[in-house]
């Protein structure tokens, strides 16, 4: 397959996916201390590129409407694959130096500035809300795409994915460089919430059985939630309430990660910083959105 032909087969968001998997394959030799790597990143890069090219070519025949709509949703699957791939960078051990530095800011925020006391001031009400926000991060992209469909904005869905994937994949790409464990593990029994809800138990169960363990910096929960917010603000300019509701939601996710000891404050700050890169992508689209899809 000639490169020029491949270029036109893929959507911009799909090129972002190819770039991510290609980047991960390229940096693999620079991490000799990660025993799980092998040739799998290279194999996944080839497989993802081939799959996306195949879908692009199929959209040109009679199955075009179905394939086109399928491609609107498939980034969800490829994002999950990208997330799982990061586990290949699992180190043999953690030295704990990063976490020892990060925990100081957490304790200032939780104890000195009374974040924990404020969250628990109404009993289980606010903790339950924050845990729900944390849980719903996994569906933020799908909900956003659904809103775009409902509002007749299907033509800008790929633009949403460009912004969302920028904020999400960039966070993933940084994981190998900051091997670390969450405060709930490194500082088990310390700084924990005084209120335990059934939603917290559900979130902990998901994290214990379905998450990766290579690193927590930056927080992809935070970066992806804010990236979705920035995207929706510019993609539905006539209904900015969707974007601002997502900004409020992403802010709640940021608080939830710190209060629930899922992330350090440093992870949250870095995740927000990563989302600003995605915001830059959203701003680049703003002018074209004003002219109409």
Protein backbone atom coordinates (compact mmCIF):
# COMPACT_ATOMS: atom_id res chain seq x y z
CA UNK A 1 0.00 0.00 0.00
CA UNK A 2 1.52 3.29 -1.09
CA UNK A 3 1.87 6.00 1.55
CA UNK A 4 -0.12 8.68 -0.33
CA UNK A 5 -3.07 6.28 -0.56
CA UNK A 6 -2.82 5.43 3.15
CA UNK A 7 -2.73 9.12 3.99
CA UNK A 8 -6.16 9.72 2.51
CA UNK A 9 -7.66 6.54 3.96
CA UNK A 10 -7.21 7.57 7.59
CA UNK A 11 -9.01 10.27 9.50
CA UNK A 12 -6.90 12.79 11.47
CA UNK A 13 -7.85 11.13 14.77
CA UNK A 14 -6.79 7.77 13.36
CA UNK A 15 -3.43 9.23 12.43
CA UNK A 16 -3.09 10.27 16.07
CA UNK A 17 -3.63 6.65 17.08
CA UNK A 18 -1.06 5.44 14.56
CA UNK A 19 1.41 8.05 15.82
CA UNK A 20 0.89 6.97 19.42
CA UNK A 21 1.39 3.26 18.77
CA UNK A 22 4.36 4.07 16.54
CA UNK A 23 5.90 6.21 19.28
CA UNK A 24 5.50 3.45 21.85
CA UNK A 25 7.13 0.94 19.49
CA UNK A 26 10.00 3.37 18.86
CA UNK A 27 10.81 4.01 22.54
CA UNK A 28 10.70 0.35 23.56
CA UNK A 29 14.49 -0.24 23.12
CA UNK A 30 15.18 2.60 25.56
CA UNK A 31 13.51 0.74 28.44
CA UNK A 32 15.66 -2.40 28.89
CA UNK A 33 14.55 -2.76 32.51
CA UNK A 34 10.93 -3.48 31.58
CA UNK A 35 10.82 -7.28 31.11
CA UNK A 36 7.33 -7.47 29.56
CA UNK A 37 8.01 -5.40 26.47
CA UNK A 38 9.54 -7.67 23.82
CA UNK A 39 8.19 -7.14 20.31
CA UNK A 40 4.57 -6.64 21.30
CA UNK A 41 4.54 -2.82 20.90
CA UNK A 42 5.82 -3.23 17.34
CA UNK A 43 3.24 -5.91 16.62
CA UNK A 44 0.44 -3.74 18.00
CA UNK A 45 1.61 -0.77 15.93
CA UNK A 46 1.49 -2.85 12.75
CA UNK A 47 -1.88 -4.37 13.66
CA UNK A 48 -3.51 -1.03 14.53
CA UNK A 49 -2.22 0.63 11.35
CA UNK A 50 -3.42 -2.27 9.22
CA UNK A 51 -6.84 -2.33 10.91
CA UNK A 52 -7.39 1.39 10.45
CA UNK A 53 -6.25 1.26 6.82
CA UNK A 54 -8.60 -1.64 6.17
CA UNK A 55 -11.54 0.25 7.66
CA UNK A 56 -10.66 3.29 5.57
CA UNK A 57 -10.61 1.23 2.39
CA UNK A 58 -13.91 -0.51 3.23
CA UNK A 59 -15.64 2.84 3.61
CA UNK A 60 -15.28 3.37 -0.13
CA UNK A 61 -17.61 0.51 -1.12
CA UNK A 62 -21.30 -0.19 -0.61
CA UNK A 63 -20.81 -0.71 3.10
CA UNK A 64 -19.69 2.90 3.48
CA UNK A 65 -22.52 4.17 5.77
CA UNK A 66 -22.05 1.37 8.29
CA UNK A 67 -18.25 1.57 8.26
CA UNK A 68 -18.33 5.35 8.54
CA UNK A 69 -20.46 5.22 11.66
CA UNK A 70 -18.39 2.40 13.08
CA UNK A 71 -15.30 4.60 12.77
CA UNK A 72 -17.06 7.28 14.78
CA UNK A 73 -17.00 4.97 17.80
CA UNK A 74 -13.92 2.78 17.33
CA UNK A 75 -11.46 5.21 18.94
CA UNK A 76 -12.97 4.06 22.23
CA UNK A 77 -11.66 0.55 21.57
CA UNK A 78 -8.25 1.74 20.40
CA UNK A 79 -7.91 4.03 23.41
CA UNK A 80 -8.53 1.04 25.67
CA UNK A 81 -5.89 -0.91 23.74
CA UNK A 82 -3.45 1.98 24.17
CA UNK A 83 -4.17 2.03 27.90
CA UNK A 84 -3.59 -1.71 28.26
CA UNK A 85 -0.37 -1.49 26.26
CA UNK A 86 1.14 0.74 28.93
CA UNK A 87 1.19 -2.21 31.32
CA UNK A 88 4.01 -3.64 29.19
CA UNK A 89 6.24 -0.96 30.74
CA UNK A 90 5.71 -2.36 34.24
CA UNK A 91 9.07 -2.09 36.06
CA UNK A 92 10.61 -4.82 38.15
CA UNK A 93 10.30 -2.61 41.24
CA UNK A 94 9.52 0.93 42.39
CA UNK A 95 11.95 2.98 44.45
CA UNK A 96 9.23 5.20 45.93
CA UNK A 97 11.18 8.44 45.53
CA UNK A 98 8.62 10.14 43.35
CA UNK A 99 5.76 9.20 45.65
CA UNK A 100 7.65 10.41 48.74
CA UNK A 101 7.92 13.84 47.20
CA UNK A 102 4.38 14.00 45.90
CA UNK A 103 2.68 13.04 49.17
CA UNK A 104 3.75 16.28 50.87
CA UNK A 105 1.53 18.43 48.68
CA UNK A 106 -1.34 15.98 49.20
CA UNK A 107 -1.17 16.31 52.96
CA UNK A 108 -1.03 20.08 52.72
CA UNK A 109 -4.18 20.04 50.61
CA UNK A 110 -6.05 17.36 52.56
CA UNK A 111 -5.10 18.36 56.10
CA UNK A 112 -3.73 21.90 56.26
CA UNK A 113 -6.22 23.27 53.71
CA UNK A 114 -8.99 20.94 54.96
CA UNK A 115 -10.01 19.42 51.64
CA UNK A 116 -10.92 16.12 53.32
CA UNK A 117 -12.97 17.83 56.01
CA UNK A 118 -14.79 19.92 53.42
CA UNK A 119 -15.67 16.90 51.30
CA UNK A 120 -16.96 15.00 54.32
CA UNK A 121 -18.84 17.95 55.85
CA UNK A 122 -22.19 16.61 54.56
CA UNK A 123 -21.54 12.99 55.43
CA UNK A 124 -21.64 10.58 52.47
CA UNK A 125 -23.29 13.03 50.03
CA UNK A 126 -20.22 14.68 48.48
CA UNK A 127 -18.01 11.54 48.65
CA UNK A 128 -20.75 9.60 46.82
CA UNK A 129 -20.94 12.29 44.15
CA UNK A 130 -17.16 12.36 43.71
CA UNK A 131 -16.92 8.58 43.42
CA UNK A 132 -19.68 8.64 40.79
CA UNK A 133 -17.73 11.26 38.82
CA UNK A 134 -14.62 9.09 39.01
CA UNK A 135 -16.55 6.05 37.78
CA UNK A 136 -18.13 7.89 34.85
CA UNK A 137 -14.75 8.91 33.40
CA UNK A 138 -14.72 5.60 31.54
CA UNK A 139 -17.80 6.65 29.59
CA UNK A 140 -17.08 10.35 29.05
CA UNK A 141 -15.98 9.97 25.43
CA UNK A 142 -18.97 7.81 24.49
CA UNK A 143 -21.38 10.22 26.16
CA UNK A 144 -19.80 13.15 24.32
CA UNK A 145 -20.04 11.41 20.95
CA UNK A 146 -23.66 10.55 21.72
CA UNK A 147 -24.40 14.21 22.42
CA UNK A 148 -22.80 15.21 19.11
CA UNK A 149 -25.00 12.69 17.31
CA UNK A 150 -28.10 13.97 19.08
CA UNK A 151 -27.30 17.57 18.21
CA UNK A 152 -26.76 16.80 14.53
CA UNK A 153 -23.01 17.34 14.81
CA UNK A 154 -21.81 14.03 13.45
CA UNK A 155 -19.58 15.83 10.94
CA UNK A 156 -17.37 17.16 13.76
CA UNK A 157 -16.97 13.89 15.65
CA UNK A 158 -13.50 13.31 14.26
CA UNK A 159 -12.52 16.74 15.53
CA UNK A 160 -13.75 15.71 18.97
CA UNK A 161 -11.54 12.64 18.81
CA UNK A 162 -8.49 14.68 17.83
CA UNK A 163 -8.87 16.82 20.94
CA UNK A 164 -9.86 13.97 23.25
CA UNK A 165 -7.10 11.65 22.05
CA UNK A 166 -4.51 14.39 22.34
CA UNK A 167 -5.38 14.82 26.01
CA UNK A 168 -5.58 11.10 26.69
CA UNK A 169 -2.77 9.54 24.66
CA UNK A 170 -0.25 12.19 25.65
CA UNK A 171 -0.84 11.26 29.28
CA UNK A 172 -0.40 7.57 28.45
CA UNK A 173 2.82 8.29 26.57
CA UNK A 174 4.33 9.81 29.72
CA UNK A 175 3.59 6.84 31.98
CA UNK A 176 6.79 4.89 31.17
CA UNK A 177 8.96 7.83 32.22
CA UNK A 178 7.40 8.13 35.69
CA UNK A 179 7.01 4.61 37.14
CA UNK A 180 4.94 5.09 40.27
CA UNK A 181 2.15 3.69 42.40
CA UNK A 182 -0.99 5.42 43.70
CA UNK A 183 -1.17 6.71 47.26
CA UNK A 184 -3.78 4.12 48.20
CA UNK A 185 -1.06 1.48 47.68
CA UNK A 186 2.18 3.22 48.66
CA UNK A 187 0.65 4.82 51.75
CA UNK A 188 -1.94 2.17 52.51
CA UNK A 189 -3.95 3.00 55.61
CA UNK A 190 -2.81 6.63 55.66
CA UNK A 191 -4.72 9.71 54.54
CA UNK A 192 -7.71 7.61 53.52
CA UNK A 193 -11.27 8.99 53.33
CA UNK A 194 -13.21 8.65 56.57
CA UNK A 195 -16.35 7.95 54.54
CA UNK A 196 -16.59 4.74 52.54
CA UNK A 197 -19.51 4.44 50.11
CA UNK A 198 -20.61 1.53 47.96
CA UNK A 199 -19.43 3.47 44.91
CA UNK A 200 -15.95 3.72 46.40
CA UNK A 201 -15.93 -0.03 46.93
CA UNK A 202 -16.96 -0.49 43.29
CA UNK A 203 -14.21 1.84 42.06
CA UNK A 204 -11.62 0.06 44.17
CA UNK A 205 -12.77 -3.28 42.81
CA UNK A 206 -12.40 -2.04 39.23
CA UNK A 207 -8.94 -0.67 39.97
CA UNK A 208 -7.85 -3.88 41.68
CA UNK A 209 -8.94 -6.08 38.78
CA UNK A 210 -8.88 -4.02 35.59
CA UNK A 211 -6.38 -1.18 35.78
CA UNK A 212 -2.69 -0.95 34.87
CA UNK A 213 0.08 -0.49 37.42
CA UNK A 214 2.94 1.10 35.51
CA UNK A 215 2.40 4.67 36.72
CA UNK A 216 -0.04 7.34 37.86
CA UNK A 217 1.69 10.48 36.53
CA UNK A 218 0.08 12.35 34.89
CA UNK A 219 -3.55 11.56 35.67
CA UNK A 220 -5.23 10.41 32.46
CA UNK A 221 -8.57 10.56 34.27
CA UNK A 222 -8.10 14.31 34.64
CA UNK A 223 -6.50 14.98 31.26
CA UNK A 224 -9.17 13.06 29.33
CA UNK A 225 -12.10 14.60 31.21
CA UNK A 226 -10.84 18.14 30.66
CA UNK A 227 -9.95 17.35 27.03
CA UNK A 228 -13.56 16.28 26.44
CA UNK A 229 -14.72 19.53 28.02
CA UNK A 230 -12.49 21.71 25.84
CA UNK A 231 -13.63 19.83 22.74
CA UNK A 232 -17.31 20.23 23.49
CA UNK A 233 -16.93 23.93 24.23
CA UNK A 234 -15.77 24.60 20.67
CA UNK A 235 -17.71 21.92 18.82
CA UNK A 236 -21.11 23.02 20.11
CA UNK A 237 -20.59 26.79 20.44
CA UNK A 238 -24.33 27.46 20.37
CA UNK A 239 -24.83 25.16 23.38
CA UNK A 240 -21.86 25.95 25.58
CA UNK A 241 -23.66 24.54 28.60
CA UNK A 242 -22.51 21.08 27.52
CA UNK A 243 -18.89 22.15 27.59
CA UNK A 244 -19.19 24.05 30.87
CA UNK A 245 -20.98 21.13 32.51
CA UNK A 246 -18.05 18.97 31.46
CA UNK A 247 -15.60 21.51 32.90
CA UNK A 248 -17.45 21.27 36.22
CA UNK A 249 -17.49 17.50 35.90
CA UNK A 250 -13.74 17.31 35.11
CA UNK A 251 -13.01 19.53 38.11
CA UNK A 252 -15.01 17.11 40.27
CA UNK A 253 -12.99 14.22 38.87
CA UNK A 254 -9.78 16.04 39.81
CA UNK A 255 -10.97 16.45 43.41
CA UNK A 256 -12.19 12.84 43.50
CA UNK A 257 -8.80 11.46 42.51
CA UNK A 258 -7.05 13.29 45.33
CA UNK A 259 -9.67 12.74 48.01
CA UNK A 260 -10.08 9.07 47.11
CA UNK A 261 -6.27 8.56 47.08
CA UNK A 262 -6.37 7.37 43.49
CA UNK A 263 -3.84 10.01 42.46
CA UNK A 264 -1.45 12.52 43.93
CA UNK A 265 -2.09 16.24 43.57
CA UNK A 266 0.98 16.36 41.33
CA UNK A 267 -0.70 13.87 38.98
CA UNK A 268 -3.79 16.04 38.81
CA UNK A 269 -1.83 19.22 38.07
CA UNK A 270 0.14 17.44 35.35
CA UNK A 271 -3.05 15.93 33.92
CA UNK A 272 -4.63 19.37 33.71
CA UNK A 273 -1.47 20.63 31.99
CA UNK A 274 -1.71 17.85 29.42
CA UNK A 275 -5.34 18.78 28.79
CA UNK A 276 -4.21 22.31 27.92
CA UNK A 277 -2.31 20.83 24.99
CA UNK A 278 -5.62 19.32 23.93
CA UNK A 279 -7.23 22.73 24.46
CA UNK A 280 -4.74 24.10 21.96
CA UNK A 281 -5.99 21.57 19.44
CA UNK A 282 -9.55 22.63 20.23
CA UNK A 283 -8.69 26.29 19.63
CA UNK A 284 -7.19 25.40 16.26
CA UNK A 285 -10.56 23.97 15.28
CA UNK A 286 -12.58 26.91 16.61
CA UNK A 287 -12.33 29.04 13.47
CA UNK A 288 -13.40 26.23 11.16
CA UNK A 289 -16.33 25.44 13.44
CA UNK A 290 -17.53 29.04 13.18
CA UNK A 291 -17.59 28.67 9.42
CA UNK A 292 -19.74 25.55 9.77
CA UNK A 293 -18.89 21.84 9.53
